C-alpha atoms as a PDB file:
ATOM      1  CA  UNK A   1      62.577  35.655  39.509  1.00  0.00           C
ATOM      2  CA  UNK A   2      65.733  36.729  41.286  1.00  0.00           C
ATOM      3  CA  UNK A   3      69.051  34.907  41.268  1.00  0.00           C
ATOM      4  CA  UNK A   4      68.588  33.533  44.769  1.00  0.00           C
ATOM      5  CA  UNK A   5      65.532  31.396  43.931  1.00  0.00           C
ATOM      6  CA  UNK A   6      66.556  30.482  40.396  1.00  0.00           C
ATOM      7  CA  UNK A   7      69.145  27.949  41.569  1.00  0.00           C
ATOM      8  CA  UNK A   8      66.563  25.758  43.404  1.00  0.00           C
ATOM      9  CA  UNK A   9      63.802  24.103  41.416  1.00  0.00           C
ATOM     10  CA  UNK A  10      60.185  24.119  42.518  1.00  0.00           C
ATOM     11  CA  UNK A  11      60.241  20.393  43.277  1.00  0.00           C
ATOM     12  CA  UNK A  12      63.379  20.807  45.368  1.00  0.00           C
ATOM     13  CA  UNK A  13      61.819  23.645  47.367  1.00  0.00           C
ATOM     14  CA  UNK A  14      58.573  21.701  47.819  1.00  0.00           C
ATOM     15  CA  UNK A  15      60.293  18.503  48.991  1.00  0.00           C
ATOM     16  CA  UNK A  16      62.567  20.399  51.404  1.00  0.00           C
ATOM     17  CA  UNK A  17      59.539  22.200  52.837  1.00  0.00           C
ATOM     18  CA  UNK A  18      57.690  18.915  53.388  1.00  0.00           C
ATOM     19  CA  UNK A  19      60.767  17.317  54.968  1.00  0.00           C
ATOM     20  CA  UNK A  20      61.203  20.377  57.211  1.00  0.00           C
ATOM     21  CA  UNK A  21      57.604  20.033  58.372  1.00  0.00           C
ATOM     22  CA  UNK A  22      58.142  16.357  59.184  1.00  0.00           C
ATOM     23  CA  UNK A  23      61.311  17.109  61.181  1.00  0.00           C
ATOM     24  CA  UNK A  24      59.608  19.851  63.191  1.00  0.00           C
ATOM     25  CA  UNK A  25      56.512  17.700  63.820  1.00  0.00           C
ATOM     26  CA  UNK A  26      58.734  14.879  65.076  1.00  0.00           C
ATOM     27  CA  UNK A  27      60.569  17.356  67.302  1.00  0.00           C
ATOM     28  CA  UNK A  28      57.194  18.558  68.651  1.00  0.00           C
ATOM     29  CA  UNK A  29      56.208  14.963  69.401  1.00  0.00           C
ATOM     30  CA  UNK A  30      59.495  14.281  71.204  1.00  0.00           C
ATOM     31  CA  UNK A  31      59.294  17.478  73.266  1.00  0.00           C
ATOM     32  CA  UNK A  32      55.661  16.882  74.235  1.00  0.00           C
ATOM     33  CA  UNK A  33      56.189  13.192  74.998  1.00  0.00           C
ATOM     34  CA  UNK A  34      59.243  13.800  77.191  1.00  0.00           C
ATOM     35  CA  UNK A  35      57.976  16.848  79.120  1.00  0.00           C
ATOM     36  CA  UNK A  36      54.270  16.051  79.583  1.00  0.00           C
ATOM     37  CA  UNK A  37      53.680  14.315  82.960  1.00  0.00           C
ATOM     38  CA  UNK A  38      52.071  11.141  81.587  1.00  0.00           C
ATOM     39  CA  UNK A  39      52.874   9.133  84.714  1.00  0.00           C
ATOM     40  CA  UNK A  40      50.912  11.521  86.937  1.00  0.00           C
ATOM     41  CA  UNK A  41      47.670  11.400  84.936  1.00  0.00           C
ATOM     42  CA  UNK A  42      46.348   8.474  86.967  1.00  0.00           C
ATOM     43  CA  UNK A  43      47.120  10.143  90.305  1.00  0.00           C
ATOM     44  CA  UNK A  44      44.211  11.776  92.110  1.00  0.00           C
ATOM     45  CA  UNK A  45      44.342  15.493  92.902  1.00  0.00           C
ATOM     46  CA  UNK A  46      43.623  14.779  96.569  1.00  0.00           C
ATOM     47  CA  UNK A  47      46.824  12.724  96.823  1.00  0.00           C
ATOM     48  CA  UNK A  48      49.029  15.472  95.367  1.00  0.00           C
ATOM     49  CA  UNK A  49      50.846  18.076  97.388  1.00  0.00           C
ATOM     50  CA  UNK A  50      50.727  21.708  96.323  1.00  0.00           C
ATOM     51  CA  UNK A  51      54.263  21.457  94.954  1.00  0.00           C
ATOM     52  CA  UNK A  52      53.414  18.391  92.848  1.00  0.00           C
ATOM     53  CA  UNK A  53      50.293  20.101  91.512  1.00  0.00           C
ATOM     54  CA  UNK A  54      52.239  23.224  90.555  1.00  0.00           C
ATOM     55  CA  UNK A  55      54.931  21.072  88.921  1.00  0.00           C
ATOM     56  CA  UNK A  56      52.299  19.206  86.898  1.00  0.00           C
ATOM     57  CA  UNK A  57      50.701  22.470  85.772  1.00  0.00           C
ATOM     58  CA  UNK A  58      54.119  23.877  84.803  1.00  0.00           C
ATOM     59  CA  UNK A  59      55.042  20.712  82.879  1.00  0.00           C
ATOM     60  CA  UNK A  60      51.708  20.686  81.029  1.00  0.00           C
ATOM     61  CA  UNK A  61      52.034  24.352  80.089  1.00  0.00           C
ATOM     62  CA  UNK A  62      55.663  24.076  79.002  1.00  0.00           C
ATOM     63  CA  UNK A  63      55.064  20.875  76.998  1.00  0.00           C
ATOM     64  CA  UNK A  64      52.048  22.378  75.265  1.00  0.00           C
ATOM     65  CA  UNK A  65      53.818  25.664  74.548  1.00  0.00           C
ATOM     66  CA  UNK A  66      56.979  24.044  73.168  1.00  0.00           C
ATOM     67  CA  UNK A  67      55.070  21.538  71.035  1.00  0.00           C
ATOM     68  CA  UNK A  68      52.713  24.253  69.791  1.00  0.00           C
ATOM     69  CA  UNK A  69      55.631  26.473  68.818  1.00  0.00           C
ATOM     70  CA  UNK A  70      57.279  23.675  66.852  1.00  0.00           C
ATOM     71  CA  UNK A  71      54.008  22.752  65.120  1.00  0.00           C
ATOM     72  CA  UNK A  72      53.339  26.367  64.126  1.00  0.00           C
ATOM     73  CA  UNK A  73      56.948  26.720  62.970  1.00  0.00           C
ATOM     74  CA  UNK A  74      56.569  23.506  60.952  1.00  0.00           C
ATOM     75  CA  UNK A  75      53.536  24.775  59.049  1.00  0.00           C
ATOM     76  CA  UNK A  76      54.632  28.397  58.678  1.00  0.00           C
ATOM     77  CA  UNK A  77      56.749  28.294  55.546  1.00  0.00           C
ATOM     78  CA  UNK A  78      59.364  30.894  54.707  1.00  0.00           C
ATOM     79  CA  UNK A  79      58.880  32.905  51.565  1.00  0.00           C
ATOM     80  CA  UNK A  80      60.103  31.494  48.259  1.00  0.00           C
ATOM     81  CA  UNK A  81      62.892  34.076  48.222  1.00  0.00           C
ATOM     82  CA  UNK A  82      64.322  32.585  51.429  1.00  0.00           C
ATOM     83  CA  UNK A  83      64.166  28.992  50.174  1.00  0.00           C
ATOM     84  CA  UNK A  84      67.341  28.864  48.118  1.00  0.00           C
ATOM     85  CA  UNK A  85      69.458  25.798  47.339  1.00  0.00           C
ATOM     86  CA  UNK A  86      71.395  25.941  50.620  1.00  0.00           C
ATOM     87  CA  UNK A  87      68.138  26.059  52.623  1.00  0.00           C
ATOM     88  CA  UNK A  88      66.764  23.082  50.660  1.00  0.00           C
ATOM     89  CA  UNK A  89      69.955  21.057  51.058  1.00  0.00           C
ATOM     90  CA  UNK A  90      70.152  21.763  54.798  1.00  0.00           C
ATOM     91  CA  UNK A  91      66.583  20.693  55.589  1.00  0.00           C
ATOM     92  CA  UNK A  92      66.750  17.696  53.258  1.00  0.00           C
ATOM     93  CA  UNK A  93      70.001  16.587  54.907  1.00  0.00           C
ATOM     94  CA  UNK A  94      68.553  17.011  58.398  1.00  0.00           C
ATOM     95  CA  UNK A  95      65.429  15.021  57.461  1.00  0.00           C
ATOM     96  CA  UNK A  96      67.304  12.182  55.765  1.00  0.00           C
ATOM     97  CA  UNK A  97      69.848  12.075  58.588  1.00  0.00           C
ATOM     98  CA  UNK A  98      67.050  11.893  61.140  1.00  0.00           C
ATOM     99  CA  UNK A  99      65.331   9.086  59.212  1.00  0.00           C
ATOM    100  CA  UNK A 100      68.616   7.185  58.913  1.00  0.00           C
ATOM    101  CA  UNK A 101      69.304   7.474  62.646  1.00  0.00           C
ATOM    102  CA  UNK A 102      65.796   6.281  63.542  1.00  0.00           C
ATOM    103  CA  UNK A 103      65.868   3.346  61.116  1.00  0.00           C
ATOM    104  CA  UNK A 104      69.418   2.426  62.144  1.00  0.00           C
ATOM    105  CA  UNK A 105      68.472   2.550  65.825  1.00  0.00           C
ATOM    106  CA  UNK A 106      65.482   0.305  65.266  1.00  0.00           C
ATOM    107  CA  UNK A 107      67.605  -2.112  63.217  1.00  0.00           C
ATOM    108  CA  UNK A 108      70.392  -2.268  65.813  1.00  0.00           C
ATOM    109  CA  UNK A 109      67.860  -2.908  68.565  1.00  0.00           C
ATOM    110  CA  UNK A 110      66.155  -5.656  66.559  1.00  0.00           C
ATOM    111  CA  UNK A 111      69.476  -7.302  65.693  1.00  0.00           C
ATOM    112  CA  UNK A 112      70.607  -6.973  69.311  1.00  0.00           C
ATOM    113  CA  UNK A 113      67.639  -9.074  70.400  1.00  0.00           C
ATOM    114  CA  UNK A 114      68.785 -11.825  68.039  1.00  0.00           C
ATOM    115  CA  UNK A 115      72.161 -12.055  69.775  1.00  0.00           C
ATOM    116  CA  UNK A 116      74.319  -9.778  67.590  1.00  0.00           C
ATOM    117  CA  UNK A 117      76.344  -7.412  69.771  1.00  0.00           C
ATOM    118  CA  UNK A 118      77.198  -3.981  68.375  1.00  0.00           C
ATOM    119  CA  UNK A 119      78.688  -2.432  71.487  1.00  0.00           C
ATOM    120  CA  UNK A 120      78.446   1.364  71.442  1.00  0.00           C
ATOM    121  CA  UNK A 121      75.893   1.355  68.617  1.00  0.00           C
ATOM    122  CA  UNK A 122      73.486  -0.407  70.924  1.00  0.00           C
ATOM    123  CA  UNK A 123      73.717   2.398  73.507  1.00  0.00           C
ATOM    124  CA  UNK A 124      73.115   5.021  70.819  1.00  0.00           C
ATOM    125  CA  UNK A 125      70.155   3.043  69.484  1.00  0.00           C
ATOM    126  CA  UNK A 126      68.598   2.793  72.920  1.00  0.00           C
ATOM    127  CA  UNK A 127      69.064   6.549  73.419  1.00  0.00           C
ATOM    128  CA  UNK A 128      67.416   7.448  70.129  1.00  0.00           C
ATOM    129  CA  UNK A 129      64.543   5.041  70.678  1.00  0.00           C
ATOM    130  CA  UNK A 130      64.132   6.357  74.238  1.00  0.00           C
ATOM    131  CA  UNK A 131      63.618   9.828  72.785  1.00  0.00           C
ATOM    132  CA  UNK A 132      60.915   8.557  70.481  1.00  0.00           C
ATOM    133  CA  UNK A 133      59.049   6.225  72.841  1.00  0.00           C
END
């Protein structure tokens, strides 16, 4: 065992790897959900112009490619030598920060419906929830 991997325990590397996978899977969901032309799925091909059809094909291909890349990246783990303490701390921090932002956005939106006004936090919450839904 070299000095680079000896400073991060196995549990720390495992948990950071799982959290990294969750972050990248959420990113794949967001990319696919925002790029894929869901509103045009009920439109008939006869009613589309050639430009609309080409745009739909391009959006489907780009959404599928970007989401596929992020999913593959999420399940392709770096070697144990590259998962040192800094790598573990970075991915754990990103995952916990992402979870905090999502939970905080949902909480601000729920409290906003009850009449509590948070000002700028409400705009941020709506932006984060717009990305997810």
